[in-house]
């Protein structure tokens, strides 16, 4: 019995286009991350499973936050690959920071394949309440009372 899979050609074509765009099938394509705000800071959580901890680099330069890491590929010597789906090479991600960020206060931690970057909001960008002064309210009240007597 001959089996026909109409999607196999489409899958092969998609794989070839993606591989051509990124170099090799084993090159990293992206660094998945989450970014959210909690109170007075942002949290950036990036997945870097298997990254060499010494290769992880977090930098801020001219308002751009750059995350990079490397995962070393196993030696190809004497190996006959049956499947090669785990990416190796250099991962890199850049984010533009606004003026409301305290770049000097950014911290990073790598634990169990997850990079956590804490990005604090600058004091000047935090919401604040402005006290409203009441000027001349006594004169206005006096005029109202005087007008009422006439």
N, C-alpha and C. Protein backbone atom coordinates (compact mmCIF):
# COMPACT_ATOMS: atom_id res chain seq x y z
N UNK A 1 0.84 -1.18 0.00
CA UNK A 1 0.00 0.00 0.00
C UNK A 1 0.88 1.24 0.00
N UNK A 2 0.63 2.15 -0.91
CA UNK A 2 1.38 3.38 -1.04
C UNK A 2 0.67 4.46 -0.24
N UNK A 3 1.42 5.10 0.63
CA UNK A 3 0.82 6.17 1.44
C UNK A 3 1.25 7.51 0.89
N UNK A 4 0.33 8.42 0.78
CA UNK A 4 0.60 9.76 0.27
C UNK A 4 0.36 10.77 1.39
N UNK A 5 1.36 11.58 1.65
CA UNK A 5 1.23 12.64 2.66
C UNK A 5 1.35 13.98 1.95
N UNK A 6 0.25 14.67 1.75
CA UNK A 6 0.30 15.93 0.99
C UNK A 6 1.11 17.01 1.71
N UNK A 7 1.32 16.85 3.00
CA UNK A 7 2.03 17.88 3.75
C UNK A 7 3.54 17.67 3.80
N UNK A 8 4.02 16.50 3.45
CA UNK A 8 5.46 16.24 3.54
C UNK A 8 6.26 17.14 2.60
N UNK A 9 5.78 17.38 1.39
CA UNK A 9 6.49 18.27 0.47
C UNK A 9 6.48 19.71 1.01
N UNK A 10 5.36 20.10 1.55
CA UNK A 10 5.26 21.45 2.12
C UNK A 10 6.22 21.60 3.30
N UNK A 11 6.28 20.60 4.17
CA UNK A 11 7.20 20.63 5.31
C UNK A 11 8.66 20.70 4.85
N UNK A 12 9.00 19.92 3.85
CA UNK A 12 10.37 19.91 3.32
C UNK A 12 10.73 21.27 2.73
N UNK A 13 9.80 21.86 2.01
CA UNK A 13 10.04 23.17 1.42
C UNK A 13 10.24 24.23 2.50
N UNK A 14 9.40 24.20 3.51
CA UNK A 14 9.51 25.15 4.62
C UNK A 14 10.84 24.99 5.34
N UNK A 15 11.25 23.76 5.62
CA UNK A 15 12.54 23.51 6.29
C UNK A 15 13.70 24.03 5.45
N UNK A 16 13.65 23.82 4.15
CA UNK A 16 14.75 24.27 3.29
C UNK A 16 14.83 25.79 3.26
N UNK A 17 13.68 26.47 3.25
CA UNK A 17 13.69 27.94 3.26
C UNK A 17 14.23 28.47 4.58
N UNK A 18 13.81 27.89 5.68
CA UNK A 18 14.28 28.33 6.98
C UNK A 18 15.77 28.07 7.14
N UNK A 19 16.24 26.93 6.68
CA UNK A 19 17.66 26.61 6.77
C UNK A 19 18.49 27.53 5.90
N UNK A 20 17.98 27.88 4.73
CA UNK A 20 18.72 28.78 3.84
C UNK A 20 18.82 30.16 4.46
N UNK A 21 17.77 30.60 5.16
CA UNK A 21 17.77 31.93 5.76
C UNK A 21 18.67 32.01 6.98
N UNK A 22 18.88 30.92 7.68
CA UNK A 22 19.63 30.98 8.92
C UNK A 22 21.01 30.33 8.84
N UNK A 23 21.40 29.81 7.71
CA UNK A 23 22.71 29.20 7.59
C UNK A 23 22.59 27.70 7.59
N UNK A 24 22.74 27.08 8.75
CA UNK A 24 22.64 25.63 8.84
C UNK A 24 21.44 25.25 9.68
N UNK A 25 21.09 23.97 9.62
CA UNK A 25 19.95 23.48 10.39
C UNK A 25 20.22 23.52 11.89
N UNK A 26 21.50 23.59 12.28
CA UNK A 26 21.84 23.55 13.69
C UNK A 26 22.10 24.93 14.28
N UNK A 27 21.99 25.98 13.48
CA UNK A 27 22.25 27.33 13.97
C UNK A 27 21.03 27.84 14.74
N UNK A 28 21.26 28.56 15.83
CA UNK A 28 20.13 29.08 16.60
C UNK A 28 19.37 30.13 15.80
N UNK A 29 18.07 30.11 15.91
CA UNK A 29 17.25 31.04 15.16
C UNK A 29 16.72 32.17 16.03
N UNK A 30 16.46 31.91 17.30
CA UNK A 30 15.90 32.93 18.15
C UNK A 30 16.12 32.58 19.61
N UNK A 31 15.89 33.54 20.46
CA UNK A 31 15.98 33.37 21.91
C UNK A 31 14.59 33.72 22.46
N UNK A 32 13.75 32.73 22.75
CA UNK A 32 12.40 33.04 23.23
C UNK A 32 12.46 33.76 24.58
N UNK A 33 11.60 34.76 24.74
CA UNK A 33 11.60 35.52 25.98
C UNK A 33 10.22 36.04 26.32
N UNK A 34 10.05 36.36 27.59
CA UNK A 34 8.87 37.05 28.08
C UNK A 34 9.35 38.36 28.67
N UNK A 35 8.53 39.40 28.55
CA UNK A 35 8.86 40.70 29.12
C UNK A 35 7.59 41.26 29.74
N UNK A 36 7.67 41.62 31.02
CA UNK A 36 6.50 42.18 31.69
C UNK A 36 6.94 43.17 32.76
N UNK A 37 5.98 43.99 33.19
CA UNK A 37 6.27 45.01 34.21
C UNK A 37 5.60 44.60 35.51
N UNK A 38 6.36 44.74 36.61
CA UNK A 38 5.86 44.49 37.95
C UNK A 38 6.25 45.69 38.80
N UNK A 39 5.27 46.39 39.34
CA UNK A 39 5.51 47.57 40.18
C UNK A 39 6.45 48.55 39.49
N UNK A 40 7.68 48.68 40.00
CA UNK A 40 8.60 49.70 39.49
C UNK A 40 9.78 49.11 38.71
N UNK A 41 9.57 47.93 38.11
CA UNK A 41 10.64 47.34 37.30
C UNK A 41 10.04 46.41 36.24
N UNK A 42 10.84 46.14 35.23
CA UNK A 42 10.48 45.20 34.17
C UNK A 42 11.24 43.90 34.42
N UNK A 43 10.64 42.79 34.03
CA UNK A 43 11.27 41.47 34.13
C UNK A 43 11.37 40.90 32.72
N UNK A 44 12.57 40.53 32.34
CA UNK A 44 12.81 39.87 31.07
C UNK A 44 13.28 38.46 31.39
N UNK A 45 12.55 37.47 30.90
CA UNK A 45 12.87 36.07 31.13
C UNK A 45 13.16 35.43 29.77
N UNK A 46 14.39 34.94 29.59
CA UNK A 46 14.79 34.36 28.30
C UNK A 46 15.21 32.91 28.50
N UNK A 47 14.76 32.05 27.61
CA UNK A 47 15.13 30.63 27.64
C UNK A 47 16.45 30.43 26.90
N UNK A 48 17.42 29.88 27.63
CA UNK A 48 18.74 29.57 27.06
C UNK A 48 19.18 28.20 27.53
N UNK A 49 18.39 27.15 27.25
CA UNK A 49 18.75 25.83 27.75
C UNK A 49 20.08 25.35 27.18
N UNK A 50 20.92 24.86 28.06
CA UNK A 50 22.20 24.31 27.64
C UNK A 50 23.26 25.33 27.30
N UNK A 51 22.97 26.62 27.50
CA UNK A 51 23.97 27.64 27.20
C UNK A 51 25.12 27.52 28.19
N UNK A 52 26.33 27.76 27.70
CA UNK A 52 27.49 27.76 28.57
C UNK A 52 27.40 28.99 29.48
N UNK A 53 27.31 28.81 30.81
CA UNK A 53 27.12 29.95 31.71
C UNK A 53 28.18 31.05 31.54
N UNK A 54 29.42 30.67 31.25
CA UNK A 54 30.47 31.67 31.07
C UNK A 54 30.33 32.48 29.80
N UNK A 55 29.52 32.02 28.87
CA UNK A 55 29.36 32.73 27.60
C UNK A 55 28.23 33.75 27.62
N UNK A 56 27.43 33.74 28.67
CA UNK A 56 26.27 34.65 28.73
C UNK A 56 26.76 36.07 28.98
N UNK A 57 26.29 36.98 28.14
CA UNK A 57 26.72 38.37 28.22
C UNK A 57 25.49 39.27 28.14
N UNK A 58 25.36 40.16 29.11
CA UNK A 58 24.27 41.14 29.14
C UNK A 58 24.93 42.51 29.16
N UNK A 59 24.63 43.33 28.16
CA UNK A 59 25.26 44.66 28.04
C UNK A 59 24.22 45.72 27.73
N UNK A 60 24.52 46.94 28.18
CA UNK A 60 23.73 48.10 27.81
C UNK A 60 24.69 49.09 27.17
N UNK A 61 24.36 49.49 25.94
CA UNK A 61 25.21 50.45 25.25
C UNK A 61 24.32 51.39 24.46
N UNK A 62 24.41 52.66 24.80
CA UNK A 62 23.67 53.70 24.07
C UNK A 62 22.17 53.39 23.99
N UNK A 63 21.59 52.96 25.10
CA UNK A 63 20.16 52.69 25.16
C UNK A 63 19.71 51.38 24.55
N UNK A 64 20.65 50.48 24.26
CA UNK A 64 20.30 49.18 23.68
C UNK A 64 20.78 48.08 24.63
N UNK A 65 19.85 47.23 25.04
CA UNK A 65 20.17 46.08 25.88
C UNK A 65 20.45 44.90 24.95
N UNK A 66 21.64 44.31 25.09
CA UNK A 66 22.02 43.18 24.25
C UNK A 66 22.24 41.95 25.12
N UNK A 67 21.55 40.86 24.78
CA UNK A 67 21.71 39.58 25.45
C UNK A 67 22.38 38.64 24.45
N UNK A 68 23.42 37.95 24.88
CA UNK A 68 24.03 36.96 24.01
C UNK A 68 24.53 35.79 24.84
N UNK A 69 24.55 34.63 24.21
CA UNK A 69 25.00 33.40 24.87
C UNK A 69 25.40 32.42 23.79
N UNK A 70 26.15 31.41 24.20
CA UNK A 70 26.59 30.40 23.25
C UNK A 70 26.35 29.00 23.81
N UNK A 71 25.92 28.13 22.93
CA UNK A 71 25.79 26.72 23.28
C UNK A 71 26.73 25.96 22.36
N UNK A 72 27.65 25.25 22.97
CA UNK A 72 28.66 24.51 22.22
C UNK A 72 28.07 23.24 21.64
N UNK A 73 28.38 23.00 20.38
CA UNK A 73 27.91 21.78 19.72
C UNK A 73 28.83 20.62 20.10
N UNK A 74 28.27 19.43 20.21
CA UNK A 74 29.12 18.28 20.46
C UNK A 74 30.02 18.04 19.24
N UNK A 75 31.11 17.39 19.45
CA UNK A 75 32.06 17.12 18.37
C UNK A 75 31.42 16.24 17.30
N UNK A 76 31.68 16.58 16.05
CA UNK A 76 31.17 15.79 14.92
C UNK A 76 32.10 14.65 14.56
N UNK A 77 33.25 14.59 15.19
CA UNK A 77 34.25 13.59 14.86
C UNK A 77 33.75 12.18 15.21
N UNK A 78 33.69 11.33 14.21
CA UNK A 78 33.28 9.95 14.41
C UNK A 78 31.79 9.78 14.70
N UNK A 79 31.00 10.81 14.43
CA UNK A 79 29.56 10.76 14.74
C UNK A 79 28.76 10.66 13.45
N UNK A 80 27.80 9.77 13.44
CA UNK A 80 26.85 9.68 12.34
C UNK A 80 25.51 10.17 12.89
N UNK A 81 25.14 11.39 12.53
CA UNK A 81 23.92 11.99 13.07
C UNK A 81 22.68 11.30 12.53
N UNK A 82 21.78 10.94 13.40
CA UNK A 82 20.48 10.38 13.01
C UNK A 82 19.41 11.45 13.11
N UNK A 83 19.59 12.35 14.05
CA UNK A 83 18.71 13.52 14.20
C UNK A 83 19.55 14.62 14.84
N UNK A 84 19.36 15.82 14.39
CA UNK A 84 20.10 16.96 14.92
C UNK A 84 19.14 18.14 15.02
N UNK A 85 18.42 18.23 16.11
CA UNK A 85 17.39 19.26 16.27
C UNK A 85 17.75 20.31 17.31
N UNK A 86 18.74 20.04 18.14
CA UNK A 86 19.13 20.99 19.17
C UNK A 86 20.07 22.02 18.56
N UNK A 87 19.74 23.28 18.74
CA UNK A 87 20.53 24.35 18.17
C UNK A 87 21.83 24.52 18.95
N UNK A 88 22.86 24.93 18.25
CA UNK A 88 24.12 25.29 18.88
C UNK A 88 24.64 26.52 18.17
N UNK A 89 25.57 27.20 18.82
CA UNK A 89 26.10 28.43 18.25
C UNK A 89 25.77 29.60 19.16
N UNK A 90 25.73 30.79 18.59
CA UNK A 90 25.52 32.01 19.36
C UNK A 90 24.07 32.47 19.25
N UNK A 91 23.47 32.74 20.39
CA UNK A 91 22.14 33.32 20.48
C UNK A 91 22.33 34.81 20.77
N UNK A 92 21.51 35.66 20.18
CA UNK A 92 21.65 37.10 20.42
C UNK A 92 20.30 37.77 20.29
N UNK A 93 20.04 38.69 21.21
CA UNK A 93 18.78 39.43 21.18
C UNK A 93 19.06 40.85 21.62
N UNK A 94 18.47 41.84 20.95
CA UNK A 94 18.67 43.24 21.32
C UNK A 94 17.33 43.91 21.51
N UNK A 95 17.27 44.76 22.53
CA UNK A 95 16.07 45.53 22.83
C UNK A 95 16.46 46.99 23.05
N UNK A 96 15.69 47.89 22.51
CA UNK A 96 15.93 49.31 22.72
C UNK A 96 15.24 49.73 24.01
N UNK A 97 16.00 50.38 24.88
CA UNK A 97 15.47 50.84 26.16
C UNK A 97 15.05 52.29 26.03
N UNK A 98 13.98 52.65 26.72
CA UNK A 98 13.54 54.04 26.72
C UNK A 98 14.28 54.86 27.76
N UNK A 99 14.00 56.14 27.78
CA UNK A 99 14.63 57.05 28.75
C UNK A 99 14.16 56.78 30.17
N UNK A 100 13.08 56.04 30.32
CA UNK A 100 12.52 55.80 31.65
C UNK A 100 13.19 54.65 32.39
N UNK A 101 14.26 54.10 31.85
CA UNK A 101 14.95 52.95 32.44
C UNK A 101 16.19 53.40 33.19
N UNK A 102 16.43 52.79 34.36
CA UNK A 102 17.65 53.02 35.13
C UNK A 102 18.67 51.98 34.68
N UNK A 103 19.44 52.29 33.63
CA UNK A 103 20.37 51.33 33.03
C UNK A 103 21.43 50.86 34.02
N UNK A 104 21.83 51.72 34.94
CA UNK A 104 22.87 51.35 35.92
C UNK A 104 22.36 50.33 36.92
N UNK A 105 21.06 50.20 37.08
CA UNK A 105 20.48 49.29 38.06
C UNK A 105 20.07 47.93 37.50
N UNK A 106 20.34 47.65 36.24
CA UNK A 106 19.95 46.38 35.62
C UNK A 106 20.77 45.25 36.22
N UNK A 107 20.08 44.15 36.57
CA UNK A 107 20.76 42.96 37.10
C UNK A 107 20.33 41.74 36.30
N UNK A 108 21.17 40.70 36.31
CA UNK A 108 20.87 39.47 35.55
C UNK A 108 21.28 38.25 36.36
N UNK A 109 20.50 37.16 36.17
CA UNK A 109 20.76 35.90 36.86
C UNK A 109 20.44 34.75 35.90
N UNK A 110 21.31 33.74 35.87
CA UNK A 110 21.10 32.57 35.02
C UNK A 110 20.94 31.35 35.91
N UNK A 111 19.81 30.66 35.80
CA UNK A 111 19.53 29.52 36.65
C UNK A 111 18.74 28.48 35.87
N UNK A 112 19.27 27.26 35.80
CA UNK A 112 18.59 26.14 35.13
C UNK A 112 18.14 26.46 33.71
N UNK A 113 19.01 27.12 32.95
CA UNK A 113 18.71 27.39 31.55
C UNK A 113 17.83 28.60 31.31
N UNK A 114 17.55 29.36 32.36
CA UNK A 114 16.70 30.54 32.22
C UNK A 114 17.47 31.78 32.66
N UNK A 115 17.54 32.77 31.79
CA UNK A 115 18.18 34.05 32.10
C UNK A 115 17.10 35.02 32.53
N UNK A 116 17.25 35.58 33.74
CA UNK A 116 16.29 36.55 34.27
C UNK A 116 17.00 37.88 34.39
N UNK A 117 16.48 38.90 33.71
CA UNK A 117 17.06 40.23 33.75
C UNK A 117 16.03 41.17 34.38
N UNK A 118 16.45 41.85 35.44
CA UNK A 118 15.59 42.82 36.12
C UNK A 118 15.99 44.21 35.66
N UNK A 119 15.02 44.95 35.13
CA UNK A 119 15.27 46.26 34.54
C UNK A 119 14.45 47.29 35.33
N UNK A 120 15.11 48.06 36.21
CA UNK A 120 14.36 49.01 37.03
C UNK A 120 13.94 50.27 36.26
N UNK A 121 12.81 50.82 36.66
CA UNK A 121 12.33 52.09 36.11
C UNK A 121 13.07 53.20 36.83
N UNK A 122 13.53 54.21 36.08
CA UNK A 122 14.24 55.34 36.67
C UNK A 122 13.32 56.13 37.59
N UNK A 123 13.89 56.70 38.65
CA UNK A 123 13.10 57.49 39.61
C UNK A 123 12.33 58.60 38.90
N UNK A 124 12.98 59.25 37.93
CA UNK A 124 12.33 60.38 37.24
C UNK A 124 11.10 59.94 36.44
N UNK A 125 11.00 58.66 36.13
CA UNK A 125 9.88 58.16 35.32
C UNK A 125 8.76 57.58 36.17
N UNK A 126 9.00 57.42 37.47
CA UNK A 126 7.96 56.84 38.32
C UNK A 126 6.85 57.86 38.54
N UNK A 127 5.62 57.38 38.60
CA UNK A 127 4.52 58.31 38.85
C UNK A 127 4.65 58.94 40.23
N UNK A 128 4.28 60.19 40.30
CA UNK A 128 4.32 60.86 41.60
C UNK A 128 3.14 61.80 41.71
N UNK A 129 2.75 62.05 42.92
CA UNK A 129 1.63 62.94 43.18
C UNK A 129 2.17 64.33 43.39
N UNK A 130 1.53 65.30 42.77
CA UNK A 130 1.95 66.69 42.89
C UNK A 130 0.96 67.41 43.80
N UNK A 131 1.50 68.05 44.83
CA UNK A 131 0.68 68.79 45.79
C UNK A 131 0.16 70.06 45.12
N UNK A 132 -1.11 70.30 45.22
CA UNK A 132 -1.72 71.50 44.65
C UNK A 132 -1.90 72.51 45.77
N UNK A 133 -1.30 73.69 45.59
CA UNK A 133 -1.43 74.75 46.58
C UNK A 133 -2.68 75.56 46.27
N UNK A 134 -3.32 76.00 47.30
CA UNK A 134 -4.50 76.83 47.15
C UNK A 134 -4.11 78.26 47.48
N UNK A 135 -4.06 79.12 46.48
CA UNK A 135 -3.65 80.51 46.65
C UNK A 135 -4.88 81.40 46.54
N UNK A 136 -5.02 82.29 47.50
CA UNK A 136 -6.11 83.28 47.43
C UNK A 136 -7.47 82.73 47.79
N UNK A 137 -7.54 81.58 48.39
CA UNK A 137 -8.85 81.03 48.71
C UNK A 137 -9.53 81.83 49.82
N UNK A 138 -8.77 82.44 50.74
CA UNK A 138 -9.36 83.26 51.80
C UNK A 138 -10.02 84.50 51.21
N UNK A 139 -9.37 85.14 50.22
CA UNK A 139 -9.93 86.35 49.59
C UNK A 139 -11.20 86.02 48.83
N UNK A 140 -11.21 84.88 48.14
CA UNK A 140 -12.39 84.48 47.38
C UNK A 140 -13.55 84.21 48.33
N UNK A 141 -13.29 83.55 49.43
CA UNK A 141 -14.33 83.25 50.41
C UNK A 141 -14.87 84.54 51.02
N UNK A 142 -14.00 85.51 51.32
CA UNK A 142 -14.42 86.79 51.90
C UNK A 142 -15.31 87.54 50.93
N UNK A 143 -14.98 87.54 49.64
CA UNK A 143 -15.78 88.25 48.64
C UNK A 143 -17.15 87.63 48.53
N UNK A 144 -17.23 86.31 48.61
CA UNK A 144 -18.52 85.64 48.53
C UNK A 144 -19.39 86.02 49.71
N UNK A 145 -18.77 86.03 50.92
CA UNK A 145 -19.53 86.40 52.12
C UNK A 145 -19.97 87.85 52.07
N UNK A 146 -19.15 88.78 51.58
CA UNK A 146 -19.48 90.20 51.49
C UNK A 146 -20.61 90.39 50.50
N UNK A 147 -20.56 89.71 49.37
CA UNK A 147 -21.60 89.81 48.35
C UNK A 147 -22.93 89.26 48.85
N UNK A 148 -22.87 88.30 49.70
CA UNK A 148 -24.10 87.71 50.20
C UNK A 148 -24.82 88.63 51.16
N UNK A 149 -24.09 89.53 51.87
CA UNK A 149 -24.70 90.45 52.84
C UNK A 149 -25.42 91.58 52.16
N UNK A 150 -25.08 91.96 50.92
CA UNK A 150 -25.68 93.10 50.27
C UNK A 150 -27.07 92.89 49.87
